[in-house]
PDB file of N, CA and C in Angstrom:
ATOM      1  N   MET A   1     -37.768  19.386 -50.662  1.00  0.00           N
ATOM      2  CA  MET A   1     -36.466  20.018 -50.643  1.00  0.00           C
ATOM      3  C   MET A   1     -36.106  20.485 -49.224  1.00  0.00           C
ATOM      4  N   PHE A   2     -37.084  21.127 -48.562  1.00  0.00           N
ATOM      5  CA  PHE A   2     -36.849  21.601 -47.201  1.00  0.00           C
ATOM      6  C   PHE A   2     -36.538  20.428 -46.273  1.00  0.00           C
ATOM      7  N   ARG A   3     -37.236  19.319 -46.469  1.00  0.00           N
ATOM      8  CA  ARG A   3     -37.038  18.139 -45.634  1.00  0.00           C
ATOM      9  C   ARG A   3     -35.625  17.584 -45.797  1.00  0.00           C
ATOM     10  N   ARG A   4     -35.125  17.540 -47.028  1.00  0.00           N
ATOM     11  CA  ARG A   4     -33.765  17.034 -47.259  1.00  0.00           C
ATOM     12  C   ARG A   4     -32.717  17.944 -46.634  1.00  0.00           C
ATOM     13  N   SER A   5     -32.916  19.245 -46.762  1.00  0.00           N
ATOM     14  CA  SER A   5     -31.937  20.164 -46.164  1.00  0.00           C
ATOM     15  C   SER A   5     -31.985  20.076 -44.639  1.00  0.00           C
ATOM     16  N   SER A   6     -33.159  19.861 -44.077  1.00  0.00           N
ATOM     17  CA  SER A   6     -33.278  19.691 -42.621  1.00  0.00           C
ATOM     18  C   SER A   6     -32.560  18.432 -42.167  1.00  0.00           C
ATOM     19  N   LEU A   7     -32.700  17.358 -42.931  1.00  0.00           N
ATOM     20  CA  LEU A   7     -32.003  16.118 -42.587  1.00  0.00           C
ATOM     21  C   LEU A   7     -30.493  16.281 -42.697  1.00  0.00           C
ATOM     22  N   ALA A   8     -30.050  17.015 -43.709  1.00  0.00           N
ATOM     23  CA  ALA A   8     -28.614  17.241 -43.874  1.00  0.00           C
ATOM     24  C   ALA A   8     -28.056  18.019 -42.682  1.00  0.00           C
ATOM     25  N   VAL A   9     -28.771  19.018 -42.226  1.00  0.00           N
ATOM     26  CA  VAL A   9     -28.337  19.803 -41.066  1.00  0.00           C
ATOM     27  C   VAL A   9     -28.339  18.932 -39.819  1.00  0.00           C
ATOM     28  N   LEU A  10     -29.358  18.117 -39.669  1.00  0.00           N
ATOM     29  CA  LEU A  10     -29.439  17.219 -38.511  1.00  0.00           C
ATOM     30  C   LEU A  10     -28.254  16.263 -38.473  1.00  0.00           C
ATOM     31  N   PHE A  11     -27.912  15.656 -39.603  1.00  0.00           N
ATOM     32  CA  PHE A  11     -26.777  14.735 -39.647  1.00  0.00           C
ATOM     33  C   PHE A  11     -25.460  15.457 -39.391  1.00  0.00           C
ATOM     34  N   ALA A  12     -25.319  16.669 -39.904  1.00  0.00           N
ATOM     35  CA  ALA A  12     -24.090  17.432 -39.683  1.00  0.00           C
ATOM     36  C   ALA A  12     -23.915  17.765 -38.211  1.00  0.00           C
ATOM     37  N   LEU A  13     -24.993  18.175 -37.566  1.00  0.00           N
ATOM     38  CA  LEU A  13     -24.908  18.525 -36.147  1.00  0.00           C
ATOM     39  C   LEU A  13     -24.727  17.296 -35.268  1.00  0.00           C
ATOM     40  N   SER A  14     -25.372  16.197 -35.607  1.00  0.00           N
ATOM     41  CA  SER A  14     -25.231  14.996 -34.782  1.00  0.00           C
ATOM     42  C   SER A  14     -23.826  14.429 -34.884  1.00  0.00           C
ATOM     43  N   GLY A  15     -23.185  14.572 -36.021  1.00  0.00           N
ATOM     44  CA  GLY A  15     -21.804  14.114 -36.157  1.00  0.00           C
ATOM     45  C   GLY A  15     -20.862  14.895 -35.267  1.00  0.00           C
ATOM     46  N   ALA A  16     -21.114  16.184 -35.120  1.00  0.00           N
ATOM     47  CA  ALA A  16     -20.274  17.023 -34.260  1.00  0.00           C
ATOM     48  C   ALA A  16     -20.411  16.630 -32.789  1.00  0.00           C
ATOM     49  N   CYS A  17     -21.564  16.137 -32.400  1.00  0.00           N
ATOM     50  CA  CYS A  17     -21.783  15.738 -31.010  1.00  0.00           C
ATOM     51  C   CYS A  17     -20.932  14.543 -30.611  1.00  0.00           C
ATOM     52  N   PHE A  18     -20.607  13.690 -31.553  1.00  0.00           N
ATOM     53  CA  PHE A  18     -19.850  12.474 -31.253  1.00  0.00           C
ATOM     54  C   PHE A  18     -18.369  12.622 -31.571  1.00  0.00           C
ATOM     55  N   ALA A  19     -17.904  13.824 -31.839  1.00  0.00           N
ATOM     56  CA  ALA A  19     -16.523  14.036 -32.248  1.00  0.00           C
ATOM     57  C   ALA A  19     -15.543  13.860 -31.094  1.00  0.00           C
ATOM     58  N   ASP A  20     -15.925  14.187 -29.881  1.00  0.00           N
ATOM     59  CA  ASP A  20     -15.020  14.118 -28.739  1.00  0.00           C
ATOM     60  C   ASP A  20     -15.265  12.844 -27.934  1.00  0.00           C
ATOM     61  N   ASN A  21     -14.195  12.336 -27.375  1.00  0.00           N
ATOM     62  CA  ASN A  21     -14.293  11.194 -26.469  1.00  0.00           C
ATOM     63  C   ASN A  21     -14.052  11.676 -25.055  1.00  0.00           C
ATOM     64  N   VAL A  22     -14.897  11.270 -24.156  1.00  0.00           N
ATOM     65  CA  VAL A  22     -14.739  11.590 -22.748  1.00  0.00           C
ATOM     66  C   VAL A  22     -14.643  10.271 -21.999  1.00  0.00           C
ATOM     67  N   THR A  23     -13.626  10.162 -21.156  1.00  0.00           N
ATOM     68  CA  THR A  23     -13.428   8.940 -20.394  1.00  0.00           C
ATOM     69  C   THR A  23     -13.598   9.242 -18.912  1.00  0.00           C
ATOM     70  N   TYR A  24     -14.419   8.469 -18.254  1.00  0.00           N
ATOM     71  CA  TYR A  24     -14.632   8.602 -16.822  1.00  0.00           C
ATOM     72  C   TYR A  24     -14.062   7.368 -16.140  1.00  0.00           C
ATOM     73  N   LEU A  25     -13.355   7.588 -15.067  1.00  0.00           N
ATOM     74  CA  LEU A  25     -12.809   6.485 -14.293  1.00  0.00           C
ATOM     75  C   LEU A  25     -13.548   6.404 -12.968  1.00  0.00           C
ATOM     76  N   ARG A  26     -13.949   5.230 -12.599  1.00  0.00           N
ATOM     77  CA  ARG A  26     -14.651   5.018 -11.340  1.00  0.00           C
ATOM     78  C   ARG A  26     -13.624   4.820 -10.235  1.00  0.00           C
ATOM     79  N   ILE A  27     -13.802   5.540  -9.115  1.00  0.00           N
ATOM     80  CA  ILE A  27     -12.906   5.366  -7.986  1.00  0.00           C
ATOM     81  C   ILE A  27     -13.695   4.818  -6.805  1.00  0.00           C
ATOM     82  N   ASP A  28     -12.992   4.248  -5.882  1.00  0.00           N
ATOM     83  CA  ASP A  28     -13.610   3.640  -4.715  1.00  0.00           C
ATOM     84  C   ASP A  28     -14.312   4.703  -3.875  1.00  0.00           C
ATOM     85  N   SER A  29     -15.466   4.375  -3.330  1.00  0.00           N
ATOM     86  CA  SER A  29     -16.248   5.337  -2.546  1.00  0.00           C
ATOM     87  C   SER A  29     -15.514   5.786  -1.287  1.00  0.00           C
ATOM     88  N   SER A  30     -14.612   4.962  -0.758  1.00  0.00           N
ATOM     89  CA  SER A  30     -13.863   5.373   0.436  1.00  0.00           C
ATOM     90  C   SER A  30     -12.944   6.557   0.118  1.00  0.00           C
ATOM     91  N   ILE A  31     -12.430   6.629  -1.097  1.00  0.00           N
ATOM     92  CA  ILE A  31     -11.584   7.754  -1.497  1.00  0.00           C
ATOM     93  C   ILE A  31     -12.418   9.031  -1.549  1.00  0.00           C
ATOM     94  N   VAL A  32     -13.619   8.931  -2.106  1.00  0.00           N
ATOM     95  CA  VAL A  32     -14.517  10.087  -2.173  1.00  0.00           C
ATOM     96  C   VAL A  32     -14.854  10.564  -0.760  1.00  0.00           C
ATOM     97  N   GLN A  33     -15.190   9.648   0.122  1.00  0.00           N
ATOM     98  CA  GLN A  33     -15.530   9.993   1.498  1.00  0.00           C
ATOM     99  C   GLN A  33     -14.353  10.649   2.208  1.00  0.00           C
ATOM    100  N   GLN A  34     -13.165  10.115   1.987  1.00  0.00           N
ATOM    101  CA  GLN A  34     -11.958  10.668   2.605  1.00  0.00           C
ATOM    102  C   GLN A  34     -11.721  12.104   2.136  1.00  0.00           C
ATOM    103  N   ARG A  35     -11.926  12.350   0.854  1.00  0.00           N
ATOM    104  CA  ARG A  35     -11.734  13.700   0.317  1.00  0.00           C
ATOM    105  C   ARG A  35     -12.793  14.666   0.823  1.00  0.00           C
ATOM    106  N   LEU A  36     -14.017  14.196   0.989  1.00  0.00           N
ATOM    107  CA  LEU A  36     -15.079  15.052   1.513  1.00  0.00           C
ATOM    108  C   LEU A  36     -14.800  15.469   2.946  1.00  0.00           C
ATOM    109  N   GLU A  37     -14.263  14.553   3.728  1.00  0.00           N
ATOM    110  CA  GLU A  37     -13.952  14.862   5.121  1.00  0.00           C
ATOM    111  C   GLU A  37     -12.830  15.888   5.238  1.00  0.00           C
ATOM    112  N   LYS A  38     -11.933  15.914   4.257  1.00  0.00           N
ATOM    113  CA  LYS A  38     -10.798  16.832   4.283  1.00  0.00           C
ATOM    114  C   LYS A  38     -11.109  18.180   3.631  1.00  0.00           C
ATOM    115  N   ALA A  39     -12.323  18.388   3.168  1.00  0.00           N
ATOM    116  CA  ALA A  39     -12.660  19.617   2.432  1.00  0.00           C
ATOM    117  C   ALA A  39     -12.449  20.847   3.310  1.00  0.00           C
ATOM    118  N   PRO A  40     -11.592  21.766   2.858  1.00  0.00           N
ATOM    119  CA  PRO A  40     -11.356  22.989   3.626  1.00  0.00           C
ATOM    120  C   PRO A  40     -12.586  23.890   3.629  1.00  0.00           C
ATOM    121  N   GLN A  41     -12.720  24.688   4.668  1.00  0.00           N
ATOM    122  CA  GLN A  41     -13.859  25.594   4.784  1.00  0.00           C
ATOM    123  C   GLN A  41     -13.598  26.942   4.130  1.00  0.00           C
ATOM    124  N   VAL A  42     -12.338  27.325   3.990  1.00  0.00           N
ATOM    125  CA  VAL A  42     -11.975  28.617   3.403  1.00  0.00           C
ATOM    126  C   VAL A  42     -11.829  28.451   1.892  1.00  0.00           C
ATOM    127  N   ALA A  43     -12.410  29.393   1.128  1.00  0.00           N
ATOM    128  CA  ALA A  43     -12.445  29.286  -0.340  1.00  0.00           C
ATOM    129  C   ALA A  43     -11.057  29.153  -0.956  1.00  0.00           C
ATOM    130  N   ASP A  44     -10.103  29.974  -0.521  1.00  0.00           N
ATOM    131  CA  ASP A  44      -8.752  29.900  -1.088  1.00  0.00           C
ATOM    132  C   ASP A  44      -8.101  28.556  -0.803  1.00  0.00           C
ATOM    133  N   ASP A  45      -8.373  28.008   0.379  1.00  0.00           N
ATOM    134  CA  ASP A  45      -7.826  26.695   0.716  1.00  0.00           C
ATOM    135  C   ASP A  45      -8.446  25.602  -0.151  1.00  0.00           C
ATOM    136  N   ARG A  46      -9.720  25.755  -0.507  1.00  0.00           N
ATOM    137  CA  ARG A  46     -10.383  24.772  -1.375  1.00  0.00           C
ATOM    138  C   ARG A  46      -9.738  24.747  -2.748  1.00  0.00           C
ATOM    139  N   VAL A  47      -9.471  25.926  -3.297  1.00  0.00           N
ATOM    140  CA  VAL A  47      -8.839  26.019  -4.618  1.00  0.00           C
ATOM    141  C   VAL A  47      -7.462  25.370  -4.562  1.00  0.00           C
ATOM    142  N   ARG A  48      -6.700  25.671  -3.535  1.00  0.00           N
ATOM    143  CA  ARG A  48      -5.367  25.090  -3.368  1.00  0.00           C
ATOM    144  C   ARG A  48      -5.453  23.563  -3.209  1.00  0.00           C
ATOM    145  N   ALA A  49      -6.426  23.076  -2.449  1.00  0.00           N
ATOM    146  CA  ALA A  49      -6.583  21.634  -2.234  1.00  0.00           C
ATOM    147  C   ALA A  49      -6.938  20.921  -3.537  1.00  0.00           C
ATOM    148  N   LEU A  50      -7.792  21.530  -4.358  1.00  0.00           N
ATOM    149  CA  LEU A  50      -8.120  20.921  -5.650  1.00  0.00           C
ATOM    150  C   LEU A  50      -6.895  20.838  -6.546  1.00  0.00           C
ATOM    151  N   GLY A  51      -6.078  21.881  -6.534  1.00  0.00           N
ATOM    152  CA  GLY A  51      -4.834  21.853  -7.308  1.00  0.00           C
ATOM    153  C   GLY A  51      -3.920  20.727  -6.844  1.00  0.00           C
ATOM    154  N   GLN A  52      -3.851  20.513  -5.531  1.00  0.00           N
ATOM    155  CA  GLN A  52      -3.037  19.434  -4.983  1.00  0.00           C
ATOM    156  C   GLN A  52      -3.595  18.061  -5.366  1.00  0.00           C
ATOM    157  N   MET A  53      -4.931  17.939  -5.390  1.00  0.00           N
ATOM    158  CA  MET A  53      -5.541  16.673  -5.799  1.00  0.00           C
ATOM    159  C   MET A  53      -5.229  16.366  -7.260  1.00  0.00           C
ATOM    160  N   PHE A  54      -5.288  17.396  -8.106  1.00  0.00           N
ATOM    161  CA  PHE A  54      -4.933  17.187  -9.512  1.00  0.00           C
ATOM    162  C   PHE A  54      -3.477  16.756  -9.640  1.00  0.00           C
ATOM    163  N   ALA A  55      -2.579  17.394  -8.878  1.00  0.00           N
ATOM    164  CA  ALA A  55      -1.164  17.032  -8.926  1.00  0.00           C
ATOM    165  C   ALA A  55      -0.961  15.589  -8.471  1.00  0.00           C
ATOM    166  N   LYS A  56      -1.663  15.201  -7.424  1.00  0.00           N
ATOM    167  CA  LYS A  56      -1.554  13.832  -6.909  1.00  0.00           C
ATOM    168  C   LYS A  56      -2.072  12.811  -7.929  1.00  0.00           C
ATOM    169  N   ALA A  57      -3.052  13.242  -8.737  1.00  0.00           N
ATOM    170  CA  ALA A  57      -3.617  12.355  -9.766  1.00  0.00           C
ATOM    171  C   ALA A  57      -2.755  12.312 -11.023  1.00  0.00           C
ATOM    172  N   GLY A  58      -1.692  13.132 -11.069  1.00  0.00           N
ATOM    173  CA  GLY A  58      -0.789  13.088 -12.213  1.00  0.00           C
ATOM    174  C   GLY A  58      -0.925  14.237 -13.189  1.00  0.00           C
ATOM    175  N   CYS A  59      -1.662  15.253 -12.846  1.00  0.00           N
ATOM    176  CA  CYS A  59      -1.813  16.419 -13.722  1.00  0.00           C
ATOM    177  C   CYS A  59      -0.630  17.359 -13.502  1.00  0.00           C
ATOM    178  N   PRO A  60       0.126  17.663 -14.567  1.00  0.00           N
ATOM    179  CA  PRO A  60       1.244  18.595 -14.407  1.00  0.00           C
ATOM    180  C   PRO A  60       0.752  19.984 -13.987  1.00  0.00           C
ATOM    181  N   ALA A  61       1.533  20.659 -13.174  1.00  0.00           N
ATOM    182  CA  ALA A  61       1.133  21.979 -12.663  1.00  0.00           C
ATOM    183  C   ALA A  61       0.853  22.966 -13.795  1.00  0.00           C
ATOM    184  N   ALA A  62       1.562  22.834 -14.906  1.00  0.00           N
ATOM    185  CA  ALA A  62       1.351  23.746 -16.038  1.00  0.00           C
ATOM    186  C   ALA A  62      -0.011  23.546 -16.694  1.00  0.00           C
ATOM    187  N   GLN A  63      -0.637  22.406 -16.459  1.00  0.00           N
ATOM    188  CA  GLN A  63      -1.925  22.094 -17.079  1.00  0.00           C
ATOM    189  C   GLN A  63      -3.115  22.476 -16.186  1.00  0.00           C
ATOM    190  N   VAL A  64      -2.851  22.874 -14.941  1.00  0.00           N
ATOM    191  CA  VAL A  64      -3.928  23.257 -14.027  1.00  0.00           C
ATOM    192  C   VAL A  64      -4.271  24.732 -14.245  1.00  0.00           C
ATOM    193  N   GLN A  65      -5.543  25.003 -14.410  1.00  0.00           N
ATOM    194  CA  GLN A  65      -6.023  26.368 -14.611  1.00  0.00           C
ATOM    195  C   GLN A  65      -7.067  26.705 -13.555  1.00  0.00           C
ATOM    196  N   VAL A  66      -7.049  27.942 -13.105  1.00  0.00           N
ATOM    197  CA  VAL A  66      -8.086  28.455 -12.213  1.00  0.00           C
ATOM    198  C   VAL A  66      -8.902  29.437 -13.050  1.00  0.00           C
ATOM    199  N   GLN A  67     -10.166  29.111 -13.250  1.00  0.00           N
ATOM    200  CA  GLN A  67     -11.036  29.860 -14.154  1.00  0.00           C
ATOM    201  C   GLN A  67     -12.124  30.568 -13.357  1.00  0.00           C
ATOM    202  N   PRO A  68     -12.140  31.904 -13.388  1.00  0.00           N
ATOM    203  CA  PRO A  68     -13.204  32.625 -12.676  1.00  0.00           C
ATOM    204  C   PRO A  68     -14.574  32.305 -13.268  1.00  0.00           C
ATOM    205  N   VAL A  69     -15.573  32.251 -12.411  1.00  0.00           N
ATOM    206  CA  VAL A  69     -16.945  31.994 -12.840  1.00  0.00           C
ATOM    207  C   VAL A  69     -17.764  33.248 -12.545  1.00  0.00           C
ATOM    208  N   PRO A  70     -18.389  33.826 -13.583  1.00  0.00           N
ATOM    209  CA  PRO A  70     -19.177  35.040 -13.354  1.00  0.00           C
ATOM    210  C   PRO A  70     -20.258  34.825 -12.288  1.00  0.00           C
ATOM    211  N   GLU A  71     -20.369  35.783 -11.406  1.00  0.00           N
ATOM    212  CA  GLU A  71     -21.385  35.805 -10.353  1.00  0.00           C
ATOM    213  C   GLU A  71     -21.250  34.667  -9.336  1.00  0.00           C
ATOM    214  N   GLN A  72     -20.065  34.064  -9.237  1.00  0.00           N
ATOM    215  CA  GLN A  72     -19.807  33.012  -8.252  1.00  0.00           C
ATOM    216  C   GLN A  72     -18.568  33.381  -7.451  1.00  0.00           C
ATOM    217  N   SER A  73     -18.545  33.012  -6.202  1.00  0.00           N
ATOM    218  CA  SER A  73     -17.393  33.349  -5.368  1.00  0.00           C
ATOM    219  C   SER A  73     -16.221  32.385  -5.579  1.00  0.00           C
ATOM    220  N   LEU A  74     -16.520  31.143  -5.926  1.00  0.00           N
ATOM    221  CA  LEU A  74     -15.463  30.159  -6.144  1.00  0.00           C
ATOM    222  C   LEU A  74     -15.199  29.962  -7.632  1.00  0.00           C
ATOM    223  N   PRO A  75     -13.923  29.849  -8.023  1.00  0.00           N
ATOM    224  CA  PRO A  75     -13.606  29.601  -9.422  1.00  0.00           C
ATOM    225  C   PRO A  75     -13.657  28.112  -9.753  1.00  0.00           C
ATOM    226  N   ASN A  76     -13.609  27.804 -11.039  1.00  0.00           N
ATOM    227  CA  ASN A  76     -13.432  26.426 -11.485  1.00  0.00           C
ATOM    228  C   ASN A  76     -11.945  26.114 -11.453  1.00  0.00           C
ATOM    229  N   VAL A  77     -11.598  24.901 -11.078  1.00  0.00           N
ATOM    230  CA  VAL A  77     -10.210  24.445 -11.138  1.00  0.00           C
ATOM    231  C   VAL A  77     -10.186  23.313 -12.154  1.00  0.00           C
ATOM    232  N   LEU A  78      -9.393  23.488 -13.215  1.00  0.00           N
ATOM    233  CA  LEU A  78      -9.407  22.557 -14.342  1.00  0.00           C
ATOM    234  C   LEU A  78      -8.023  21.960 -14.570  1.00  0.00           C
ATOM    235  N   CYS A  79      -8.007  20.737 -15.022  1.00  0.00           N
ATOM    236  CA  CYS A  79      -6.793  20.110 -15.516  1.00  0.00           C
ATOM    237  C   CYS A  79      -7.060  19.736 -16.967  1.00  0.00           C
ATOM    238  N   THR A  80      -6.355  20.350 -17.879  1.00  0.00           N
ATOM    239  CA  THR A  80      -6.548  20.092 -19.293  1.00  0.00           C
ATOM    240  C   THR A  80      -5.351  19.318 -19.813  1.00  0.00           C
ATOM    241  N   LEU A  81      -5.602  18.101 -20.251  1.00  0.00           N
ATOM    242  CA  LEU A  81      -4.532  17.258 -20.778  1.00  0.00           C
ATOM    243  C   LEU A  81      -4.665  17.155 -22.291  1.00  0.00           C
ATOM    244  N   PRO A  82      -3.556  17.167 -23.009  1.00  0.00           N
ATOM    245  CA  PRO A  82      -3.635  17.054 -24.463  1.00  0.00           C
ATOM    246  C   PRO A  82      -4.136  15.666 -24.865  1.00  0.00           C
ATOM    247  N   GLY A  83      -4.931  15.644 -25.916  1.00  0.00           N
ATOM    248  CA  GLY A  83      -5.436  14.375 -26.434  1.00  0.00           C
ATOM    249  C   GLY A  83      -4.588  13.867 -27.580  1.00  0.00           C
ATOM    250  N   SER A  84      -5.001  12.784 -28.162  1.00  0.00           N
ATOM    251  CA  SER A  84      -4.258  12.200 -29.271  1.00  0.00           C
ATOM    252  C   SER A  84      -4.689  12.744 -30.624  1.00  0.00           C
ATOM    253  N   GLU A  85      -5.776  13.509 -30.655  1.00  0.00           N
ATOM    254  CA  GLU A  85      -6.271  14.041 -31.927  1.00  0.00           C
ATOM    255  C   GLU A  85      -6.187  15.546 -31.951  1.00  0.00           C
TER     256      GLU A  85
END
């Protein structure tokens, strides 16, 4: 009985792991190198530059969020786009 309930929990949890789709797009290494060379040294400028990169990639300004990270000096900069589900 314990074994069956353990299997049921395992299947329930594994199904939740595959619920979301994440898509990664590969970009040319020259673009990455170009962006690294332009990286600002001042923290506020870095946050602003990331926001500009998201805008250039097509992320609407309303979808860009600056999220503080506990015990870190720099925040996360996120672009959250609505999905189809």
